[in-house]
Amino acid sequence: MLLIYFLLFTIYYLLFTIYFLLFTIYYLLFTIYYLLFTIYYLLYTICYMLCVSALNSSYY
């Protein structure tokens, strides 16, 4: 009986560890994607500002 409980606990612990690892990997990927999106957005904003200022200066 005790052996069965021990096996169940071990399986449960392994599953929990796998889920935790998957969650950590998913969280890291989400963080990387968020950082890349932020960098892309900043670059897009800078380019847009430069283009607008270049167009405005060409009019005068």
N, C-alpha and C. Protein backbone atom coordinates (compact mmCIF):
# COMPACT_ATOMS: atom_id res chain seq x y z
N MET A 1 0.83 -1.20 0.00
CA MET A 1 0.00 0.00 0.00
C MET A 1 0.87 1.26 0.00
N LEU A 2 1.85 1.26 0.84
CA LEU A 2 2.76 2.41 0.93
C LEU A 2 3.53 2.60 -0.36
N LEU A 3 3.87 1.50 -1.00
CA LEU A 3 4.61 1.54 -2.27
C LEU A 3 3.76 2.17 -3.37
N ILE A 4 2.47 1.87 -3.38
CA ILE A 4 1.55 2.45 -4.37
C ILE A 4 1.47 3.96 -4.18
N TYR A 5 1.33 4.38 -2.93
CA TYR A 5 1.29 5.81 -2.63
C TYR A 5 2.59 6.51 -3.04
N PHE A 6 3.68 5.85 -2.81
CA PHE A 6 4.99 6.40 -3.18
C PHE A 6 5.11 6.55 -4.69
N LEU A 7 4.65 5.54 -5.43
CA LEU A 7 4.68 5.59 -6.89
C LEU A 7 3.79 6.70 -7.43
N LEU A 8 2.59 6.82 -6.87
CA LEU A 8 1.67 7.88 -7.27
C LEU A 8 2.26 9.26 -6.99
N PHE A 9 2.86 9.40 -5.83
CA PHE A 9 3.49 10.66 -5.46
C PHE A 9 4.63 10.99 -6.41
N THR A 10 5.42 9.98 -6.78
CA THR A 10 6.55 10.19 -7.70
C THR A 10 6.05 10.61 -9.07
N ILE A 11 4.99 9.95 -9.56
CA ILE A 11 4.41 10.30 -10.87
C ILE A 11 3.87 11.72 -10.84
N TYR A 12 3.14 12.04 -9.76
CA TYR A 12 2.58 13.37 -9.59
C TYR A 12 3.67 14.43 -9.55
N TYR A 13 4.74 14.13 -8.83
CA TYR A 13 5.87 15.05 -8.72
C TYR A 13 6.54 15.26 -10.07
N LEU A 14 6.71 14.18 -10.83
CA LEU A 14 7.32 14.28 -12.16
C LEU A 14 6.45 15.12 -13.10
N LEU A 15 5.16 14.88 -13.08
CA LEU A 15 4.23 15.65 -13.91
C LEU A 15 4.25 17.13 -13.53
N PHE A 16 4.26 17.39 -12.24
CA PHE A 16 4.33 18.76 -11.76
C PHE A 16 5.61 19.45 -12.22
N THR A 17 6.73 18.72 -12.17
CA THR A 17 8.02 19.25 -12.61
C THR A 17 8.00 19.55 -14.10
N ILE A 18 7.42 18.64 -14.90
CA ILE A 18 7.32 18.84 -16.35
C ILE A 18 6.46 20.06 -16.66
N TYR A 19 5.31 20.17 -15.97
CA TYR A 19 4.43 21.32 -16.18
C TYR A 19 5.12 22.62 -15.79
N PHE A 20 5.85 22.58 -14.70
CA PHE A 20 6.57 23.76 -14.24
C PHE A 20 7.63 24.18 -15.25
N LEU A 21 8.35 23.20 -15.81
CA LEU A 21 9.37 23.49 -16.82
C LEU A 21 8.74 24.07 -18.08
N LEU A 22 7.64 23.48 -18.52
CA LEU A 22 6.94 23.99 -19.69
C LEU A 22 6.44 25.41 -19.47
N PHE A 23 5.90 25.66 -18.29
CA PHE A 23 5.42 26.99 -17.94
C PHE A 23 6.57 28.00 -17.94
N THR A 24 7.72 27.58 -17.41
CA THR A 24 8.91 28.46 -17.38
C THR A 24 9.39 28.77 -18.78
N ILE A 25 9.44 27.74 -19.65
CA ILE A 25 9.86 27.94 -21.04
C ILE A 25 8.89 28.87 -21.75
N TYR A 26 7.58 28.64 -21.54
CA TYR A 26 6.54 29.48 -22.15
C TYR A 26 6.67 30.93 -21.69
N TYR A 27 6.91 31.11 -20.40
CA TYR A 27 7.08 32.45 -19.83
C TYR A 27 8.30 33.15 -20.41
N LEU A 28 9.41 32.41 -20.56
CA LEU A 28 10.63 32.97 -21.14
C LEU A 28 10.40 33.38 -22.59
N LEU A 29 9.74 32.51 -23.36
CA LEU A 29 9.44 32.82 -24.76
C LEU A 29 8.55 34.05 -24.86
N PHE A 30 7.54 34.13 -23.98
CA PHE A 30 6.65 35.28 -23.96
C PHE A 30 7.42 36.56 -23.65
N THR A 31 8.35 36.48 -22.70
CA THR A 31 9.17 37.64 -22.33
C THR A 31 10.05 38.07 -23.50
N ILE A 32 10.65 37.09 -24.20
CA ILE A 32 11.50 37.39 -25.35
C ILE A 32 10.67 38.05 -26.46
N TYR A 33 9.48 37.48 -26.74
CA TYR A 33 8.61 38.06 -27.76
C TYR A 33 8.19 39.47 -27.39
N TYR A 34 7.88 39.69 -26.11
CA TYR A 34 7.48 41.01 -25.64
C TYR A 34 8.61 42.01 -25.81
N LEU A 35 9.84 41.60 -25.49
CA LEU A 35 11.01 42.47 -25.65
C LEU A 35 11.24 42.80 -27.12
N LEU A 36 11.16 41.79 -27.98
CA LEU A 36 11.33 42.01 -29.42
C LEU A 36 10.27 42.95 -29.96
N PHE A 37 9.02 42.76 -29.52
CA PHE A 37 7.93 43.63 -29.95
C PHE A 37 8.18 45.06 -29.49
N THR A 38 8.66 45.23 -28.27
CA THR A 38 8.96 46.57 -27.73
C THR A 38 10.07 47.24 -28.53
N ILE A 39 11.13 46.49 -28.83
CA ILE A 39 12.25 47.02 -29.62
C ILE A 39 11.76 47.41 -31.02
N TYR A 40 10.96 46.52 -31.64
CA TYR A 40 10.41 46.79 -32.97
C TYR A 40 9.55 48.04 -32.95
N TYR A 41 8.71 48.17 -31.92
CA TYR A 41 7.84 49.33 -31.79
C TYR A 41 8.65 50.62 -31.62
N LEU A 42 9.71 50.57 -30.81
CA LEU A 42 10.57 51.73 -30.61
C LEU A 42 11.27 52.13 -31.91
N LEU A 43 11.80 51.14 -32.63
CA LEU A 43 12.46 51.41 -33.90
C LEU A 43 11.48 52.01 -34.91
N TYR A 44 10.28 51.45 -34.95
CA TYR A 44 9.24 51.96 -35.85
C TYR A 44 8.89 53.41 -35.51
N THR A 45 8.78 53.70 -34.22
CA THR A 45 8.47 55.06 -33.77
C THR A 45 9.58 56.02 -34.14
N ILE A 46 10.84 55.62 -33.93
CA ILE A 46 12.00 56.46 -34.27
C ILE A 46 12.03 56.73 -35.77
N CYS A 47 11.84 55.68 -36.57
CA CYS A 47 11.84 55.83 -38.03
C CYS A 47 10.72 56.75 -38.48
N TYR A 48 9.54 56.58 -37.86
CA TYR A 48 8.39 57.40 -38.20
C TYR A 48 8.67 58.87 -37.88
N MET A 49 9.24 59.13 -36.72
CA MET A 49 9.59 60.49 -36.32
C MET A 49 10.62 61.10 -37.27
N LEU A 50 11.62 60.32 -37.65
CA LEU A 50 12.65 60.80 -38.58
C LEU A 50 12.05 61.10 -39.95
N CYS A 51 11.17 60.20 -40.41
CA CYS A 51 10.52 60.42 -41.71
C CYS A 51 9.65 61.67 -41.70
N VAL A 52 8.91 61.86 -40.63
CA VAL A 52 8.04 63.03 -40.50
C VAL A 52 8.87 64.31 -40.44
N SER A 53 9.95 64.29 -39.67
CA SER A 53 10.80 65.47 -39.56
C SER A 53 11.50 65.75 -40.89
N ALA A 54 11.89 64.71 -41.62
CA ALA A 54 12.53 64.88 -42.93
C ALA A 54 11.54 65.47 -43.93
N LEU A 55 10.31 64.98 -43.91
CA LEU A 55 9.28 65.51 -44.81
C LEU A 55 8.93 66.95 -44.46
N ASN A 56 8.84 67.25 -43.18
CA ASN A 56 8.53 68.60 -42.75
C ASN A 56 9.64 69.58 -43.12
N SER A 57 10.89 69.15 -42.99
CA SER A 57 12.01 70.03 -43.31
C SER A 57 12.14 70.22 -44.82
N SER A 58 11.67 69.25 -45.62
CA SER A 58 11.78 69.38 -47.07
C SER A 58 10.76 70.38 -47.62
N TYR A 59 9.70 70.61 -46.87
CA TYR A 59 8.69 71.57 -47.33
C TYR A 59 9.19 73.01 -47.24
N TYR A 60 10.03 73.25 -46.22
CA TYR A 60 10.48 74.64 -46.03
C TYR A 60 11.73 74.92 -46.84
